[in-house]
């Protein structure tokens, strides 16, 4: 069952990722932030496209839900980490990470 440590390990294993404080959370970014981890390590907010957000929330509604404000309308999606397995967490991280890459690296 993934937790904040699992997310941190998987996120930092992706090429070019750094972690930095972001208000009361930790932000993981390449060129821009693609996921933030809550201080308690129980939840994370992923930056998906709106279509990806709908997909994640439809397929795994017990784990994913739109962030309940204007950020959610932009694709920011809240996740309860304990409701994922490590494979699903890694897939969500990679999906969000790809959008944060500088343009020339997205073409790989």
C-alpha atoms as a PDB file:
ATOM      1  CA  UNK A   1       0.000   0.000   0.000  1.00  0.00           C
ATOM      2  CA  UNK A   2       1.663   3.258  -1.131  1.00  0.00           C
ATOM      3  CA  UNK A   3       2.226   6.186   1.209  1.00  0.00           C
ATOM      4  CA  UNK A   4       4.096   9.476   1.123  1.00  0.00           C
ATOM      5  CA  UNK A   5       7.471   7.740   1.195  1.00  0.00           C
ATOM      6  CA  UNK A   6       6.485   5.607  -1.795  1.00  0.00           C
ATOM      7  CA  UNK A   7       5.388   8.667  -3.741  1.00  0.00           C
ATOM      8  CA  UNK A   8       8.600  10.533  -2.888  1.00  0.00           C
ATOM      9  CA  UNK A   9      10.768   7.577  -3.964  1.00  0.00           C
ATOM     10  CA  UNK A  10       8.926   7.017  -7.250  1.00  0.00           C
ATOM     11  CA  UNK A  11       8.683  10.711  -8.119  1.00  0.00           C
ATOM     12  CA  UNK A  12      12.365  11.412  -7.486  1.00  0.00           C
ATOM     13  CA  UNK A  13      13.294   8.399  -9.646  1.00  0.00           C
ATOM     14  CA  UNK A  14      11.757  10.138 -12.683  1.00  0.00           C
ATOM     15  CA  UNK A  15      14.255  12.049 -14.810  1.00  0.00           C
ATOM     16  CA  UNK A  16      14.909  15.632 -13.740  1.00  0.00           C
ATOM     17  CA  UNK A  17      12.548  15.711 -10.755  1.00  0.00           C
ATOM     18  CA  UNK A  18      13.266  17.845  -7.718  1.00  0.00           C
ATOM     19  CA  UNK A  19      11.293  18.317  -4.503  1.00  0.00           C
ATOM     20  CA  UNK A  20      10.684  21.637  -2.784  1.00  0.00           C
ATOM     21  CA  UNK A  21       8.410  23.022  -0.071  1.00  0.00           C
ATOM     22  CA  UNK A  22       5.095  24.346  -1.381  1.00  0.00           C
ATOM     23  CA  UNK A  23       2.981  25.945   1.365  1.00  0.00           C
ATOM     24  CA  UNK A  24       2.117  23.040   3.697  1.00  0.00           C
ATOM     25  CA  UNK A  25       2.968  20.431   1.042  1.00  0.00           C
ATOM     26  CA  UNK A  26       5.983  19.143  -0.890  1.00  0.00           C
ATOM     27  CA  UNK A  27       5.974  19.905  -4.621  1.00  0.00           C
ATOM     28  CA  UNK A  28       7.624  17.616  -7.145  1.00  0.00           C
ATOM     29  CA  UNK A  29       8.569  19.301 -10.393  1.00  0.00           C
ATOM     30  CA  UNK A  30      10.644  19.210 -13.534  1.00  0.00           C
ATOM     31  CA  UNK A  31       9.956  22.438 -15.399  1.00  0.00           C
ATOM     32  CA  UNK A  32       6.679  22.884 -13.512  1.00  0.00           C
ATOM     33  CA  UNK A  33       4.954  21.168 -10.602  1.00  0.00           C
ATOM     34  CA  UNK A  34       3.185  17.915 -11.484  1.00  0.00           C
ATOM     35  CA  UNK A  35       2.283  16.556  -8.043  1.00  0.00           C
ATOM     36  CA  UNK A  36       2.147  17.831  -4.473  1.00  0.00           C
ATOM     37  CA  UNK A  37       2.262  15.657  -1.371  1.00  0.00           C
ATOM     38  CA  UNK A  38       0.344  16.541   1.791  1.00  0.00           C
ATOM     39  CA  UNK A  39       2.402  17.006   4.953  1.00  0.00           C
ATOM     40  CA  UNK A  40       0.821  13.903   6.524  1.00  0.00           C
ATOM     41  CA  UNK A  41       1.789  11.762   3.494  1.00  0.00           C
ATOM     42  CA  UNK A  42      -1.732  10.416   3.081  1.00  0.00           C
ATOM     43  CA  UNK A  43      -2.882  12.338   0.004  1.00  0.00           C
ATOM     44  CA  UNK A  44      -1.375  13.906  -3.093  1.00  0.00           C
ATOM     45  CA  UNK A  45      -2.628  16.277  -5.775  1.00  0.00           C
ATOM     46  CA  UNK A  46      -1.727  15.348  -9.357  1.00  0.00           C
ATOM     47  CA  UNK A  47      -1.830  17.663 -12.382  1.00  0.00           C
ATOM     48  CA  UNK A  48      -3.613  15.772 -15.153  1.00  0.00           C
ATOM     49  CA  UNK A  49      -5.283  17.048 -18.283  1.00  0.00           C
ATOM     50  CA  UNK A  50      -9.058  17.367 -17.818  1.00  0.00           C
ATOM     51  CA  UNK A  51      -9.568  14.195 -19.907  1.00  0.00           C
ATOM     52  CA  UNK A  52      -7.053  12.260 -17.828  1.00  0.00           C
ATOM     53  CA  UNK A  53      -8.743  13.521 -14.674  1.00  0.00           C
ATOM     54  CA  UNK A  54     -12.112  12.197 -15.872  1.00  0.00           C
ATOM     55  CA  UNK A  55     -10.515   8.853 -16.719  1.00  0.00           C
ATOM     56  CA  UNK A  56      -8.787   8.457 -13.339  1.00  0.00           C
ATOM     57  CA  UNK A  57     -11.879   9.549 -11.389  1.00  0.00           C
ATOM     58  CA  UNK A  58     -14.114   7.199 -13.395  1.00  0.00           C
ATOM     59  CA  UNK A  59     -11.872   4.132 -13.238  1.00  0.00           C
ATOM     60  CA  UNK A  60     -10.737   4.563  -9.613  1.00  0.00           C
ATOM     61  CA  UNK A  61     -13.295   6.784  -7.824  1.00  0.00           C
ATOM     62  CA  UNK A  62     -12.239   5.385  -4.449  1.00  0.00           C
ATOM     63  CA  UNK A  63      -8.748   6.849  -4.987  1.00  0.00           C
ATOM     64  CA  UNK A  64      -9.130   9.901  -7.268  1.00  0.00           C
ATOM     65  CA  UNK A  65     -11.391  12.967  -7.156  1.00  0.00           C
ATOM     66  CA  UNK A  66     -11.124  16.471  -8.620  1.00  0.00           C
ATOM     67  CA  UNK A  67      -9.685  19.069  -6.260  1.00  0.00           C
ATOM     68  CA  UNK A  68     -12.874  20.892  -5.124  1.00  0.00           C
ATOM     69  CA  UNK A  69     -12.238  24.372  -6.519  1.00  0.00           C
ATOM     70  CA  UNK A  70     -11.020  26.148  -9.655  1.00  0.00           C
ATOM     71  CA  UNK A  71      -7.800  24.125  -9.485  1.00  0.00           C
ATOM     72  CA  UNK A  72      -9.863  20.981 -10.000  1.00  0.00           C
ATOM     73  CA  UNK A  73     -11.328  22.450 -13.172  1.00  0.00           C
ATOM     74  CA  UNK A  74      -7.756  22.762 -14.474  1.00  0.00           C
ATOM     75  CA  UNK A  75      -7.094  19.044 -13.976  1.00  0.00           C
ATOM     76  CA  UNK A  76      -5.692  19.038 -10.437  1.00  0.00           C
ATOM     77  CA  UNK A  77      -6.819  15.741  -8.947  1.00  0.00           C
ATOM     78  CA  UNK A  78      -6.695  14.643  -5.317  1.00  0.00           C
ATOM     79  CA  UNK A  79      -5.606  11.100  -4.538  1.00  0.00           C
ATOM     80  CA  UNK A  80      -5.810   8.995  -1.384  1.00  0.00           C
ATOM     81  CA  UNK A  81      -2.515   7.102  -1.658  1.00  0.00           C
ATOM     82  CA  UNK A  82      -3.573   4.095   0.447  1.00  0.00           C
ATOM     83  CA  UNK A  83      -6.273   3.309  -2.107  1.00  0.00           C
ATOM     84  CA  UNK A  84      -3.708   2.679  -4.864  1.00  0.00           C
ATOM     85  CA  UNK A  85      -1.214  -0.057  -5.460  1.00  0.00           C
ATOM     86  CA  UNK A  86       2.374   0.788  -6.342  1.00  0.00           C
ATOM     87  CA  UNK A  87       1.796   0.165 -10.079  1.00  0.00           C
ATOM     88  CA  UNK A  88      -1.160   2.583 -10.176  1.00  0.00           C
ATOM     89  CA  UNK A  89       0.829   5.192  -8.262  1.00  0.00           C
ATOM     90  CA  UNK A  90       3.782   4.890 -10.640  1.00  0.00           C
ATOM     91  CA  UNK A  91       1.453   5.203 -13.657  1.00  0.00           C
ATOM     92  CA  UNK A  92      -0.250   8.307 -12.237  1.00  0.00           C
ATOM     93  CA  UNK A  93       3.109   9.910 -11.474  1.00  0.00           C
ATOM     94  CA  UNK A  94       4.451   9.232 -14.958  1.00  0.00           C
ATOM     95  CA  UNK A  95       1.273  10.568 -16.567  1.00  0.00           C
ATOM     96  CA  UNK A  96       1.499  13.831 -14.642  1.00  0.00           C
ATOM     97  CA  UNK A  97       5.317  14.050 -15.014  1.00  0.00           C
ATOM     98  CA  UNK A  98       5.118  13.951 -18.823  1.00  0.00           C
ATOM     99  CA  UNK A  99       3.089  17.188 -18.824  1.00  0.00           C
ATOM    100  CA  UNK A 100       5.713  18.936 -16.691  1.00  0.00           C
ATOM    101  CA  UNK A 101       8.643  18.163 -18.976  1.00  0.00           C
ATOM    102  CA  UNK A 102      10.241  20.902 -21.049  1.00  0.00           C
ATOM    103  CA  UNK A 103       8.900  20.769 -24.636  1.00  0.00           C
ATOM    104  CA  UNK A 104      11.984  19.170 -26.255  1.00  0.00           C
ATOM    105  CA  UNK A 105      11.941  16.248 -23.780  1.00  0.00           C
ATOM    106  CA  UNK A 106       8.243  15.432 -24.343  1.00  0.00           C
ATOM    107  CA  UNK A 107       8.985  14.244 -27.880  1.00  0.00           C
ATOM    108  CA  UNK A 108      10.987  11.194 -26.750  1.00  0.00           C
END
